[in-house]
Every structure is written in C-alpha cells, then in structure tokens.
Amino acid sequence: REGGYDQHVQDRIPFYMRQCKNGNKSCVVKLLQKAMQGDVAAQWLLGSVCKNVQKDYVAAYKWWSLASYGSADTKKLDKLADGMTSAQIEEAQRLVQKWLSDRYPVAGSLSSAVLLVR
C-alpha cells in the first residue's frame, strides 16, 4: 500500500533501526510498551527491528502477525515465513496466541483458527 498510514509506518522504520543500532534502549522500550498496548504501528515497527537488527525471526513473525491480525495483507509476513523453519513458525504462532489470550481470552481461542488458515 502506498501513502497514508502504512507509508507513515514504513517511513519510521529507518529511525528505529538507527536507534537500536546506536544502543538507544529507551526508544526501543517505548516502542515495546506501545506494541504491548496493541498499537499496530508499534507492533509493525518492532517486528521490523526484530528482523533487521536483532535477526530474531520468531519475534518478528510474532509482532508482524499481531500487526496484521484481521488484515488481508500478509505479504511481508509470508515472505518472512519463507525463510523460517516450521519449528520457528510454530513457536511464533504460539507466542501470538499466548499474547492474544493473555489480553483477550475469547480472541485467544479464536486466534488458533486464524493462524491455521494463514
């Protein structure tokens, strides 16, 4: 998608990458706090940081899954999964389900079905 909200999120990725590489932990902590509160932009950015800076594909998959929850656009998530083992994907999906069920008990049980369909 071009322009609008998604472009704004994409434009912020380099900023957070630099902050992480420069050791600015307070910036990353704020991003994590927002992501934990359900901020979709923060979840997307955190997934990008996990993938590109930390090389933690399980965490990236988790945050991108949460950011795209309920969205039909999962291209980046699918591309990330192409480079992951089935065990990594299963772990990431387990983390997504735990995150959802901890916050939204009914949604947590529904998330299993959504993740299996993807």
PDB file of N, CA and C in Angstrom:
ATOM      1  N   ARG A   1       0.841  -1.179   0.000  1.00  0.00           N
ATOM      2  CA  ARG A   1       0.000   0.000   0.000  1.00  0.00           C
ATOM      3  C   ARG A   1       0.884   1.239   0.000  1.00  0.00           C
ATOM      4  N   GLU A   2       0.480   2.204  -0.737  1.00  0.00           N
ATOM      5  CA  GLU A   2       1.273   3.412  -0.815  1.00  0.00           C
ATOM      6  C   GLU A   2       0.522   4.564  -0.164  1.00  0.00           C
ATOM      7  N   GLY A   3       1.274   5.475   0.434  1.00  0.00           N
ATOM      8  CA  GLY A   3       0.677   6.641   1.049  1.00  0.00           C
ATOM      9  C   GLY A   3      -0.039   6.306   2.341  1.00  0.00           C
ATOM     10  N   GLY A   4      -0.534   7.330   3.018  1.00  0.00           N
ATOM     11  CA  GLY A   4      -1.343   7.146   4.210  1.00  0.00           C
ATOM     12  C   GLY A   4      -0.620   6.494   5.366  1.00  0.00           C
ATOM     13  N   TYR A   5      -1.416   5.777   6.150  1.00  0.00           N
ATOM     14  CA  TYR A   5      -0.947   5.176   7.400  1.00  0.00           C
ATOM     15  C   TYR A   5       0.214   4.212   7.189  1.00  0.00           C
ATOM     16  N   ASP A   6       0.074   3.287   6.241  1.00  0.00           N
ATOM     17  CA  ASP A   6       1.120   2.292   6.024  1.00  0.00           C
ATOM     18  C   ASP A   6       2.432   2.937   5.619  1.00  0.00           C
ATOM     19  N   GLN A   7       2.361   3.968   4.795  1.00  0.00           N
ATOM     20  CA  GLN A   7       3.586   4.660   4.383  1.00  0.00           C
ATOM     21  C   GLN A   7       4.228   5.344   5.588  1.00  0.00           C
ATOM     22  N   HIS A   8       3.412   5.903   6.464  1.00  0.00           N
ATOM     23  CA  HIS A   8       3.944   6.543   7.668  1.00  0.00           C
ATOM     24  C   HIS A   8       4.713   5.525   8.517  1.00  0.00           C
ATOM     25  N   VAL A   9       4.154   4.340   8.673  1.00  0.00           N
ATOM     26  CA  VAL A   9       4.825   3.290   9.440  1.00  0.00           C
ATOM     27  C   VAL A   9       6.137   2.917   8.763  1.00  0.00           C
ATOM     28  N   GLN A  10       6.107   2.721   7.452  1.00  0.00           N
ATOM     29  CA  GLN A  10       7.313   2.365   6.705  1.00  0.00           C
ATOM     30  C   GLN A  10       8.380   3.447   6.831  1.00  0.00           C
ATOM     31  N   ASP A  11       7.966   4.705   6.829  1.00  0.00           N
ATOM     32  CA  ASP A  11       8.912   5.817   6.948  1.00  0.00           C
ATOM     33  C   ASP A  11       9.615   5.845   8.298  1.00  0.00           C
ATOM     34  N   ARG A  12       8.999   5.279   9.331  1.00  0.00           N
ATOM     35  CA  ARG A  12       9.581   5.304  10.678  1.00  0.00           C
ATOM     36  C   ARG A  12      10.586   4.172  10.906  1.00  0.00           C
ATOM     37  N   ILE A  13      10.579   3.156  10.067  1.00  0.00           N
ATOM     38  CA  ILE A  13      11.464   2.001  10.271  1.00  0.00           C
ATOM     39  C   ILE A  13      12.932   2.404  10.340  1.00  0.00           C
ATOM     40  N   PRO A  14      13.460   3.200   9.394  1.00  0.00           N
ATOM     41  CA  PRO A  14      14.884   3.558   9.487  1.00  0.00           C
ATOM     42  C   PRO A  14      15.257   4.267  10.789  1.00  0.00           C
ATOM     43  N   PHE A  15      14.353   5.112  11.295  1.00  0.00           N
ATOM     44  CA  PHE A  15      14.611   5.801  12.558  1.00  0.00           C
ATOM     45  C   PHE A  15      14.820   4.797  13.684  1.00  0.00           C
ATOM     46  N   TYR A  16      13.920   3.834  13.808  1.00  0.00           N
ATOM     47  CA  TYR A  16      14.035   2.852  14.886  1.00  0.00           C
ATOM     48  C   TYR A  16      15.226   1.930  14.684  1.00  0.00           C
ATOM     49  N   MET A  17      15.566   1.637  13.442  1.00  0.00           N
ATOM     50  CA  MET A  17      16.750   0.816  13.176  1.00  0.00           C
ATOM     51  C   MET A  17      17.997   1.535  13.695  1.00  0.00           C
ATOM     52  N   ARG A  18      18.098   2.824  13.372  1.00  0.00           N
ATOM     53  CA  ARG A  18      19.262   3.606  13.842  1.00  0.00           C
ATOM     54  C   ARG A  18      19.302   3.658  15.369  1.00  0.00           C
ATOM     55  N   GLN A  19      18.132   3.859  15.986  1.00  0.00           N
ATOM     56  CA  GLN A  19      18.088   3.939  17.446  1.00  0.00           C
ATOM     57  C   GLN A  19      18.583   2.642  18.081  1.00  0.00           C
ATOM     58  N   CYS A  20      18.169   1.532  17.523  1.00  0.00           N
ATOM     59  CA  CYS A  20      18.589   0.232  18.063  1.00  0.00           C
ATOM     60  C   CYS A  20      20.081  -0.001  17.847  1.00  0.00           C
ATOM     61  N   LYS A  21      20.539   0.294  16.651  1.00  0.00           N
ATOM     62  CA  LYS A  21      21.961   0.091  16.348  1.00  0.00           C
ATOM     63  C   LYS A  21      22.850   1.001  17.177  1.00  0.00           C
ATOM     64  N   ASN A  22      22.328   2.186  17.527  1.00  0.00           N
ATOM     65  CA  ASN A  22      23.096   3.132  18.341  1.00  0.00           C
ATOM     66  C   ASN A  22      22.940   2.880  19.835  1.00  0.00           C
ATOM     67  N   GLY A  23      22.203   1.853  20.200  1.00  0.00           N
ATOM     68  CA  GLY A  23      22.067   1.488  21.602  1.00  0.00           C
ATOM     69  C   GLY A  23      21.083   2.335  22.389  1.00  0.00           C
ATOM     70  N   ASN A  24      20.184   3.028  21.724  1.00  0.00           N
ATOM     71  CA  ASN A  24      19.184   3.855  22.403  1.00  0.00           C
ATOM     72  C   ASN A  24      18.067   2.952  22.919  1.00  0.00           C
ATOM     73  N   LYS A  25      18.303   2.387  24.080  1.00  0.00           N
ATOM     74  CA  LYS A  25      17.351   1.420  24.630  1.00  0.00           C
ATOM     75  C   LYS A  25      16.038   2.054  25.046  1.00  0.00           C
ATOM     76  N   SER A  26      16.065   3.315  25.478  1.00  0.00           N
ATOM     77  CA  SER A  26      14.814   3.946  25.913  1.00  0.00           C
ATOM     78  C   SER A  26      13.834   4.077  24.747  1.00  0.00           C
ATOM     79  N   CYS A  27      14.349   4.326  23.567  1.00  0.00           N
ATOM     80  CA  CYS A  27      13.497   4.425  22.384  1.00  0.00           C
ATOM     81  C   CYS A  27      12.845   3.073  22.090  1.00  0.00           C
ATOM     82  N   VAL A  28      13.619   2.016  22.196  1.00  0.00           N
ATOM     83  CA  VAL A  28      13.093   0.683  21.930  1.00  0.00           C
ATOM     84  C   VAL A  28      12.104   0.266  23.018  1.00  0.00           C
ATOM     85  N   VAL A  29      12.384   0.637  24.259  1.00  0.00           N
ATOM     86  CA  VAL A  29      11.468   0.324  25.364  1.00  0.00           C
ATOM     87  C   VAL A  29      10.120   1.003  25.131  1.00  0.00           C
ATOM     88  N   LYS A  30      10.137   2.263  24.699  1.00  0.00           N
ATOM     89  CA  LYS A  30       8.886   2.972  24.412  1.00  0.00           C
ATOM     90  C   LYS A  30       8.131   2.285  23.279  1.00  0.00           C
ATOM     91  N   LEU A  31       8.865   1.849  22.266  1.00  0.00           N
ATOM     92  CA  LEU A  31       8.244   1.136  21.154  1.00  0.00           C
ATOM     93  C   LEU A  31       7.609  -0.167  21.641  1.00  0.00           C
ATOM     94  N   LEU A  32       8.324  -0.893  22.492  1.00  0.00           N
ATOM     95  CA  LEU A  32       7.806  -2.135  23.049  1.00  0.00           C
ATOM     96  C   LEU A  32       6.558  -1.884  23.884  1.00  0.00           C
ATOM     97  N   GLN A  33       6.582  -0.834  24.696  1.00  0.00           N
ATOM     98  CA  GLN A  33       5.412  -0.510  25.528  1.00  0.00           C
ATOM     99  C   GLN A  33       4.189  -0.234  24.660  1.00  0.00           C
ATOM    100  N   LYS A  34       4.389   0.535  23.592  1.00  0.00           N
ATOM    101  CA  LYS A  34       3.267   0.824  22.690  1.00  0.00           C
ATOM    102  C   LYS A  34       2.777  -0.450  22.009  1.00  0.00           C
ATOM    103  N   ALA A  35       3.705  -1.294  21.593  1.00  0.00           N
ATOM    104  CA  ALA A  35       3.328  -2.552  20.938  1.00  0.00           C
ATOM    105  C   ALA A  35       2.537  -3.431  21.894  1.00  0.00           C
ATOM    106  N   MET A  36       2.954  -3.480  23.145  1.00  0.00           N
ATOM    107  CA  MET A  36       2.264  -4.290  24.149  1.00  0.00           C
ATOM    108  C   MET A  36       0.857  -3.765  24.429  1.00  0.00           C
ATOM    109  N   GLN A  37       0.643  -2.485  24.196  1.00  0.00           N
ATOM    110  CA  GLN A  37      -0.675  -1.884  24.404  1.00  0.00           C
ATOM    111  C   GLN A  37      -1.580  -2.076  23.185  1.00  0.00           C
ATOM    112  N   GLY A  38      -1.042  -2.719  22.150  1.00  0.00           N
ATOM    113  CA  GLY A  38      -1.847  -3.000  20.974  1.00  0.00           C
ATOM    114  C   GLY A  38      -1.715  -2.001  19.848  1.00  0.00           C
ATOM    115  N   ASP A  39      -0.750  -1.094  19.938  1.00  0.00           N
ATOM    116  CA  ASP A  39      -0.529  -0.111  18.878  1.00  0.00           C
ATOM    117  C   ASP A  39       0.016  -0.844  17.645  1.00  0.00           C
ATOM    118  N   VAL A  40      -0.784  -0.891  16.584  1.00  0.00           N
ATOM    119  CA  VAL A  40      -0.445  -1.661  15.390  1.00  0.00           C
ATOM    120  C   VAL A  40       0.828  -1.127  14.729  1.00  0.00           C
ATOM    121  N   ALA A  41       0.978   0.175  14.667  1.00  0.00           N
ATOM    122  CA  ALA A  41       2.186   0.755  14.063  1.00  0.00           C
ATOM    123  C   ALA A  41       3.423   0.343  14.855  1.00  0.00           C
ATOM    124  N   ALA A  42       3.332   0.384  16.174  1.00  0.00           N
ATOM    125  CA  ALA A  42       4.464  -0.019  17.014  1.00  0.00           C
ATOM    126  C   ALA A  42       4.763  -1.506  16.843  1.00  0.00           C
ATOM    127  N   GLN A  43       3.722  -2.316  16.716  1.00  0.00           N
ATOM    128  CA  GLN A  43       3.932  -3.751  16.507  1.00  0.00           C
ATOM    129  C   GLN A  43       4.658  -3.993  15.184  1.00  0.00           C
ATOM    130  N   TRP A  44       4.238  -3.289  14.154  1.00  0.00           N
ATOM    131  CA  TRP A  44       4.871  -3.442  12.841  1.00  0.00           C
ATOM    132  C   TRP A  44       6.337  -2.996  12.905  1.00  0.00           C
ATOM    133  N   LEU A  45       6.582  -1.839  13.528  1.00  0.00           N
ATOM    134  CA  LEU A  45       7.945  -1.328  13.653  1.00  0.00           C
ATOM    135  C   LEU A  45       8.809  -2.267  14.484  1.00  0.00           C
ATOM    136  N   LEU A  46       8.261  -2.783  15.562  1.00  0.00           N
ATOM    137  CA  LEU A  46       9.021  -3.689  16.421  1.00  0.00           C
ATOM    138  C   LEU A  46       9.368  -4.971  15.660  1.00  0.00           C
ATOM    139  N   GLY A  47       8.438  -5.469  14.867  1.00  0.00           N
ATOM    140  CA  GLY A  47       8.736  -6.629  14.034  1.00  0.00           C
ATOM    141  C   GLY A  47       9.878  -6.356  13.078  1.00  0.00           C
ATOM    142  N   SER A  48       9.903  -5.170  12.514  1.00  0.00           N
ATOM    143  CA  SER A  48      10.983  -4.793  11.595  1.00  0.00           C
ATOM    144  C   SER A  48      12.317  -4.703  12.323  1.00  0.00           C
ATOM    145  N   VAL A  49      12.299  -4.151  13.522  1.00  0.00           N
ATOM    146  CA  VAL A  49      13.525  -4.071  14.328  1.00  0.00           C
ATOM    147  C   VAL A  49      14.010  -5.475  14.678  1.00  0.00           C
ATOM    148  N   CYS A  50      13.098  -6.337  15.083  1.00  0.00           N
ATOM    149  CA  CYS A  50      13.477  -7.715  15.446  1.00  0.00           C
ATOM    150  C   CYS A  50      14.100  -8.430  14.258  1.00  0.00           C
ATOM    151  N   LYS A  51      13.527  -8.248  13.084  1.00  0.00           N
ATOM    152  CA  LYS A  51      14.030  -8.944  11.894  1.00  0.00           C
ATOM    153  C   LYS A  51      15.367  -8.373  11.437  1.00  0.00           C
ATOM    154  N   ASN A  52      15.447  -7.070  11.298  1.00  0.00           N
ATOM    155  CA  ASN A  52      16.595  -6.446  10.650  1.00  0.00           C
ATOM    156  C   ASN A  52      17.762  -6.120  11.569  1.00  0.00           C
ATOM    157  N   VAL A  53      17.499  -5.856  12.821  1.00  0.00           N
ATOM    158  CA  VAL A  53      18.582  -5.509  13.752  1.00  0.00           C
ATOM    159  C   VAL A  53      18.978  -6.713  14.597  1.00  0.00           C
ATOM    160  N   GLN A  54      17.993  -7.353  15.195  1.00  0.00           N
ATOM    161  CA  GLN A  54      18.278  -8.462  16.103  1.00  0.00           C
ATOM    162  C   GLN A  54      18.352  -9.807  15.394  1.00  0.00           C
ATOM    163  N   LYS A  55      17.870  -9.863  14.155  1.00  0.00           N
ATOM    164  CA  LYS A  55      17.823 -11.119  13.388  1.00  0.00           C
ATOM    165  C   LYS A  55      17.028 -12.186  14.132  1.00  0.00           C
ATOM    166  N   ASP A  56      16.004 -11.748  14.865  1.00  0.00           N
ATOM    167  CA  ASP A  56      15.132 -12.643  15.616  1.00  0.00           C
ATOM    168  C   ASP A  56      13.844 -12.812  14.816  1.00  0.00           C
ATOM    169  N   TYR A  57      13.820 -13.829  13.965  1.00  0.00           N
ATOM    170  CA  TYR A  57      12.708 -14.015  13.045  1.00  0.00           C
ATOM    171  C   TYR A  57      11.446 -14.487  13.754  1.00  0.00           C
ATOM    172  N   VAL A  58      11.585 -15.207  14.844  1.00  0.00           N
ATOM    173  CA  VAL A  58      10.406 -15.637  15.605  1.00  0.00           C
ATOM    174  C   VAL A  58       9.695 -14.416  16.189  1.00  0.00           C
ATOM    175  N   ALA A  59      10.447 -13.527  16.801  1.00  0.00           N
ATOM    176  CA  ALA A  59       9.855 -12.311  17.369  1.00  0.00           C
ATOM    177  C   ALA A  59       9.280 -11.426  16.267  1.00  0.00           C
ATOM    178  N   ALA A  60       9.985 -11.320  15.151  1.00  0.00           N
ATOM    179  CA  ALA A  60       9.487 -10.523  14.025  1.00  0.00           C
ATOM    180  C   ALA A  60       8.155 -11.082  13.537  1.00  0.00           C
ATOM    181  N   TYR A  61       8.090 -12.401  13.394  1.00  0.00           N
ATOM    182  CA  TYR A  61       6.860 -13.055  12.946  1.00  0.00           C
ATOM    183  C   TYR A  61       5.731 -12.780  13.936  1.00  0.00           C
ATOM    184  N   LYS A  62       6.045 -12.859  15.224  1.00  0.00           N
ATOM    185  CA  LYS A  62       5.031 -12.597  16.253  1.00  0.00           C
ATOM    186  C   LYS A  62       4.469 -11.184  16.104  1.00  0.00           C
ATOM    187  N   TRP A  63       5.344 -10.184  16.060  1.00  0.00           N
ATOM    188  CA  TRP A  63       4.873  -8.800  16.016  1.00  0.00           C
ATOM    189  C   TRP A  63       4.186  -8.476  14.702  1.00  0.00           C
ATOM    190  N   TRP A  64       4.698  -8.992  13.590  1.00  0.00           N
ATOM    191  CA  TRP A  64       4.029  -8.746  12.309  1.00  0.00           C
ATOM    192  C   TRP A  64       2.689  -9.458  12.251  1.00  0.00           C
ATOM    193  N   SER A  65       2.591 -10.638  12.858  1.00  0.00           N
ATOM    194  CA  SER A  65       1.303 -11.338  12.906  1.00  0.00           C
ATOM    195  C   SER A  65       0.284 -10.513  13.678  1.00  0.00           C
ATOM    196  N   LEU A  66       0.709 -10.004  14.822  1.00  0.00           N
ATOM    197  CA  LEU A  66      -0.200  -9.188  15.622  1.00  0.00           C
ATOM    198  C   LEU A  66      -0.593  -7.913  14.880  1.00  0.00           C
ATOM    199  N   ALA A  67       0.366  -7.311  14.192  1.00  0.00           N
ATOM    200  CA  ALA A  67       0.082  -6.078  13.453  1.00  0.00           C
ATOM    201  C   ALA A  67      -0.870  -6.331  12.292  1.00  0.00           C
ATOM    202  N   SER A  68      -0.778  -7.507  11.694  1.00  0.00           N
ATOM    203  CA  SER A  68      -1.632  -7.796  10.542  1.00  0.00           C
ATOM    204  C   SER A  68      -2.881  -8.586  10.919  1.00  0.00           C
ATOM    205  N   TYR A  69      -3.091  -8.808  12.201  1.00  0.00           N
ATOM    206  CA  TYR A  69      -4.251  -9.567  12.674  1.00  0.00           C
ATOM    207  C   TYR A  69      -5.526  -8.929  12.141  1.00  0.00           C
ATOM    208  N   GLY A  70      -6.300  -9.701  11.426  1.00  0.00           N
ATOM    209  CA  GLY A  70      -7.531  -9.193  10.853  1.00  0.00           C
ATOM    210  C   GLY A  70      -7.334  -8.487   9.520  1.00  0.00           C
ATOM    211  N   SER A  71      -6.119  -8.472   9.008  1.00  0.00           N
ATOM    212  CA  SER A  71      -5.840  -7.815   7.734  1.00  0.00           C
ATOM    213  C   SER A  71      -5.630  -8.871   6.650  1.00  0.00           C
ATOM    214  N   ALA A  72      -6.008  -8.532   5.454  1.00  0.00           N
ATOM    215  CA  ALA A  72      -5.797  -9.457   4.335  1.00  0.00           C
ATOM    216  C   ALA A  72      -4.381  -9.330   3.774  1.00  0.00           C
ATOM    217  N   ASP A  73      -3.669  -8.255   4.136  1.00  0.00           N
ATOM    218  CA  ASP A  73      -2.334  -8.014   3.587  1.00  0.00           C
ATOM    219  C   ASP A  73      -1.273  -8.645   4.486  1.00  0.00           C
ATOM    220  N   THR A  74      -0.795  -9.805   4.104  1.00  0.00           N
ATOM    221  CA  THR A  74       0.208 -10.524   4.904  1.00  0.00           C
ATOM    222  C   THR A  74       1.457 -10.832   4.075  1.00  0.00           C
ATOM    223  N   LYS A  75       1.704 -10.038   3.022  1.00  0.00           N
ATOM    224  CA  LYS A  75       2.832 -10.326   2.123  1.00  0.00           C
ATOM    225  C   LYS A  75       4.175 -10.372   2.854  1.00  0.00           C
ATOM    226  N   LYS A  76       4.439  -9.377   3.699  1.00  0.00           N
ATOM    227  CA  LYS A  76       5.723  -9.355   4.416  1.00  0.00           C
ATOM    228  C   LYS A  76       5.828 -10.532   5.365  1.00  0.00           C
ATOM    229  N   LEU A  77       4.750 -10.847   6.015  1.00  0.00           N
ATOM    230  CA  LEU A  77       4.722 -11.975   6.946  1.00  0.00           C
ATOM    231  C   LEU A  77       4.980 -13.281   6.195  1.00  0.00           C
ATOM    232  N   ASP A  78       4.342 -13.441   5.056  1.00  0.00           N
ATOM    233  CA  ASP A  78       4.541 -14.643   4.251  1.00  0.00           C
ATOM    234  C   ASP A  78       5.989 -14.744   3.753  1.00  0.00           C
ATOM    235  N   LYS A  79       6.550 -13.613   3.343  1.00  0.00           N
ATOM    236  CA  LYS A  79       7.948 -13.604   2.871  1.00  0.00           C
ATOM    237  C   LYS A  79       8.900 -13.974   4.004  1.00  0.00           C
ATOM    238  N   LEU A  80       8.645 -13.457   5.197  1.00  0.00           N
ATOM    239  CA  LEU A  80       9.464 -13.799   6.359  1.00  0.00           C
ATOM    240  C   LEU A  80       9.367 -15.296   6.641  1.00  0.00           C
ATOM    241  N   ALA A  81       8.165 -15.836   6.589  1.00  0.00           N
ATOM    242  CA  ALA A  81       7.955 -17.256   6.866  1.00  0.00           C
ATOM    243  C   ALA A  81       8.699 -18.146   5.882  1.00  0.00           C
ATOM    244  N   ASP A  82       8.878 -17.678   4.651  1.00  0.00           N
ATOM    245  CA  ASP A  82       9.613 -18.462   3.651  1.00  0.00           C
ATOM    246  C   ASP A  82      11.042 -18.772   4.094  1.00  0.00           C
ATOM    247  N   GLY A  83      11.622 -17.907   4.926  1.00  0.00           N
ATOM    248  CA  GLY A  83      12.988 -18.107   5.390  1.00  0.00           C
ATOM    249  C   GLY A  83      13.085 -18.723   6.776  1.00  0.00           C
ATOM    250  N   MET A  84      11.967 -19.184   7.311  1.00  0.00           N
ATOM    251  CA  MET A  84      11.938 -19.748   8.655  1.00  0.00           C
ATOM    252  C   MET A  84      11.671 -21.247   8.590  1.00  0.00           C
ATOM    253  N   THR A  85      12.116 -21.937   9.639  1.00  0.00           N
ATOM    254  CA  THR A  85      11.801 -23.367   9.742  1.00  0.00           C
ATOM    255  C   THR A  85      10.369 -23.511  10.248  1.00  0.00           C
ATOM    256  N   SER A  86       9.800 -24.680  10.068  1.00  0.00           N
ATOM    257  CA  SER A  86       8.440 -24.904  10.569  1.00  0.00           C
ATOM    258  C   SER A  86       8.401 -24.788  12.093  1.00  0.00           C
ATOM    259  N   ALA A  87       9.485 -25.178  12.770  1.00  0.00           N
ATOM    260  CA  ALA A  87       9.546 -25.057  14.231  1.00  0.00           C
ATOM    261  C   ALA A  87       9.531 -23.583  14.652  1.00  0.00           C
ATOM    262  N   GLN A  88      10.234 -22.725  13.915  1.00  0.00           N
ATOM    263  CA  GLN A  88      10.242 -21.297  14.233  1.00  0.00           C
ATOM    264  C   GLN A  88       8.850 -20.696  14.031  1.00  0.00           C
ATOM    265  N   ILE A  89       8.193 -21.088  12.941  1.00  0.00           N
ATOM    266  CA  ILE A  89       6.847 -20.573  12.673  1.00  0.00           C
ATOM    267  C   ILE A  89       5.878 -21.030  13.757  1.00  0.00           C
ATOM    268  N   GLU A  90       5.969 -22.291  14.141  1.00  0.00           N
ATOM    269  CA  GLU A  90       5.093 -22.806  15.199  1.00  0.00           C
ATOM    270  C   GLU A  90       5.325 -22.065  16.511  1.00  0.00           C
ATOM    271  N   GLU A  91       6.587 -21.794  16.837  1.00  0.00           N
ATOM    272  CA  GLU A  91       6.908 -21.050  18.063  1.00  0.00           C
ATOM    273  C   GLU A  91       6.335 -19.636  17.986  1.00  0.00           C
ATOM    274  N   ALA A  92       6.499 -18.994  16.851  1.00  0.00           N
ATOM    275  CA  ALA A  92       5.974 -17.641  16.679  1.00  0.00           C
ATOM    276  C   ALA A  92       4.451 -17.630  16.795  1.00  0.00           C
ATOM    277  N   GLN A  93       3.787 -18.598  16.189  1.00  0.00           N
ATOM    278  CA  GLN A  93       2.335 -18.679  16.275  1.00  0.00           C
ATOM    279  C   GLN A  93       1.875 -18.947  17.704  1.00  0.00           C
ATOM    280  N   ARG A  94       2.643 -19.753  18.437  1.00  0.00           N
ATOM    281  CA  ARG A  94       2.332 -19.997  19.847  1.00  0.00           C
ATOM    282  C   ARG A  94       2.437 -18.699  20.641  1.00  0.00           C
ATOM    283  N   LEU A  95       3.470 -17.895  20.347  1.00  0.00           N
ATOM    284  CA  LEU A  95       3.650 -16.620  21.044  1.00  0.00           C
ATOM    285  C   LEU A  95       2.522 -15.640  20.719  1.00  0.00           C
ATOM    286  N   VAL A  96       2.075 -15.646  19.476  1.00  0.00           N
ATOM    287  CA  VAL A  96       0.948 -14.791  19.084  1.00  0.00           C
ATOM    288  C   VAL A  96      -0.298 -15.209  19.840  1.00  0.00           C
ATOM    289  N   GLN A  97      -0.568 -16.495  19.851  1.00  0.00           N
ATOM    290  CA  GLN A  97      -1.769 -16.985  20.541  1.00  0.00           C
ATOM    291  C   GLN A  97      -1.709 -16.661  22.032  1.00  0.00           C
ATOM    292  N   LYS A  98      -0.537 -16.824  22.648  1.00  0.00           N
ATOM    293  CA  LYS A  98      -0.387 -16.501  24.078  1.00  0.00           C
ATOM    294  C   LYS A  98      -0.632 -15.020  24.308  1.00  0.00           C
ATOM    295  N   TRP A  99      -0.051 -14.175  23.462  1.00  0.00           N
ATOM    296  CA  TRP A  99      -0.209 -12.733  23.605  1.00  0.00           C
ATOM    297  C   TRP A  99      -1.683 -12.362  23.522  1.00  0.00           C
ATOM    298  N   LEU A 100      -2.376 -12.924  22.534  1.00  0.00           N
ATOM    299  CA  LEU A 100      -3.794 -12.613  22.373  1.00  0.00           C
ATOM    300  C   LEU A 100      -4.639 -13.143  23.532  1.00  0.00           C
ATOM    301  N   SER A 101      -4.373 -14.382  23.940  1.00  0.00           N
ATOM    302  CA  SER A 101      -5.200 -14.958  25.006  1.00  0.00           C
ATOM    303  C   SER A 101      -4.943 -14.298  26.351  1.00  0.00           C
ATOM    304  N   ASP A 102      -3.727 -13.781  26.567  1.00  0.00           N
ATOM    305  CA  ASP A 102      -3.440 -13.051  27.804  1.00  0.00           C
ATOM    306  C   ASP A 102      -4.226 -11.746  27.869  1.00  0.00           C
ATOM    307  N   ARG A 103      -4.460 -11.137  26.716  1.00  0.00           N
ATOM    308  CA  ARG A 103      -5.133  -9.845  26.680  1.00  0.00           C
ATOM    309  C   ARG A 103      -6.621  -9.955  26.387  1.00  0.00           C
ATOM    310  N   TYR A 104      -6.975 -10.916  25.550  1.00  0.00           N
ATOM    311  CA  TYR A 104      -8.361 -11.075  25.113  1.00  0.00           C
ATOM    312  C   TYR A 104      -8.709 -12.554  25.155  1.00  0.00           C
ATOM    313  N   PRO A 105      -9.155 -13.060  26.288  1.00  0.00           N
ATOM    314  CA  PRO A 105      -9.376 -14.504  26.436  1.00  0.00           C
ATOM    315  C   PRO A 105     -10.214 -15.145  25.328  1.00  0.00           C
ATOM    316  N   VAL A 106     -11.261 -14.492  24.872  1.00  0.00           N
ATOM    317  CA  VAL A 106     -12.080 -15.079  23.806  1.00  0.00           C
ATOM    318  C   VAL A 106     -11.322 -15.050  22.487  1.00  0.00           C
ATOM    319  N   ALA A 107     -10.653 -13.945  22.197  1.00  0.00           N
ATOM    320  CA  ALA A 107      -9.897 -13.825  20.948  1.00  0.00           C
ATOM    321  C   ALA A 107      -8.750 -14.823  20.906  1.00  0.00           C
ATOM    322  N   GLY A 108      -8.171 -15.135  22.043  1.00  0.00           N
ATOM    323  CA  GLY A 108      -7.066 -16.098  22.081  1.00  0.00           C
ATOM    324  C   GLY A 108      -7.474 -17.445  21.544  1.00  0.00           C
ATOM    325  N   SER A 109      -8.680 -17.893  21.878  1.00  0.00           N
ATOM    326  CA  SER A 109      -9.137 -19.187  21.374  1.00  0.00           C
ATOM    327  C   SER A 109      -9.466 -19.106  19.892  1.00  0.00           C
ATOM    328  N   LEU A 110      -9.928 -17.962  19.430  1.00  0.00           N
ATOM    329  CA  LEU A 110     -10.217 -17.786  18.008  1.00  0.00           C
ATOM    330  C   LEU A 110      -8.948 -17.645  17.181  1.00  0.00           C
ATOM    331  N   SER A 111      -7.874 -17.147  17.799  1.00  0.00           N
ATOM    332  CA  SER A 111      -6.651 -16.900  17.039  1.00  0.00           C
ATOM    333  C   SER A 111      -6.057 -18.184  16.502  1.00  0.00           C
ATOM    334  N   SER A 112      -6.263 -19.306  17.159  1.00  0.00           N
ATOM    335  CA  SER A 112      -5.749 -20.575  16.658  1.00  0.00           C
ATOM    336  C   SER A 112      -6.299 -20.863  15.275  1.00  0.00           C
ATOM    337  N   ALA A 113      -7.563 -20.660  15.100  1.00  0.00           N
ATOM    338  CA  ALA A 113      -8.184 -20.922  13.807  1.00  0.00           C
ATOM    339  C   ALA A 113      -7.650 -19.962  12.748  1.00  0.00           C
ATOM    340  N   VAL A 114      -7.478 -18.705  13.100  1.00  0.00           N
ATOM    341  CA  VAL A 114      -6.963 -17.713  12.155  1.00  0.00           C
ATOM    342  C   VAL A 114      -5.547 -18.074  11.741  1.00  0.00           C
ATOM    343  N   LEU A 115      -4.702 -18.447  12.697  1.00  0.00           N
ATOM    344  CA  LEU A 115      -3.319 -18.782  12.387  1.00  0.00           C
ATOM    345  C   LEU A 115      -3.220 -20.040  11.537  1.00  0.00           C
ATOM    346  N   LEU A 116      -4.100 -20.988  11.730  1.00  0.00           N
ATOM    347  CA  LEU A 116      -4.065 -22.204  10.939  1.00  0.00           C
ATOM    348  C   LEU A 116      -4.478 -21.946   9.504  1.00  0.00           C
ATOM    349  N   VAL A 117      -5.365 -20.980   9.311  1.00  0.00           N
ATOM    350  CA  VAL A 117      -5.819 -20.666   7.964  1.00  0.00           C
ATOM    351  C   VAL A 117      -4.715 -19.994   7.163  1.00  0.00           C
ATOM    352  N   ARG A 118      -3.890 -19.187   7.820  1.00  0.00           N
ATOM    353  CA  ARG A 118      -2.821 -18.471   7.127  1.00  0.00           C
ATOM    354  C   ARG A 118      -1.843 -19.417   6.609  1.00  0.00           C
TER     355      ARG A 118
END
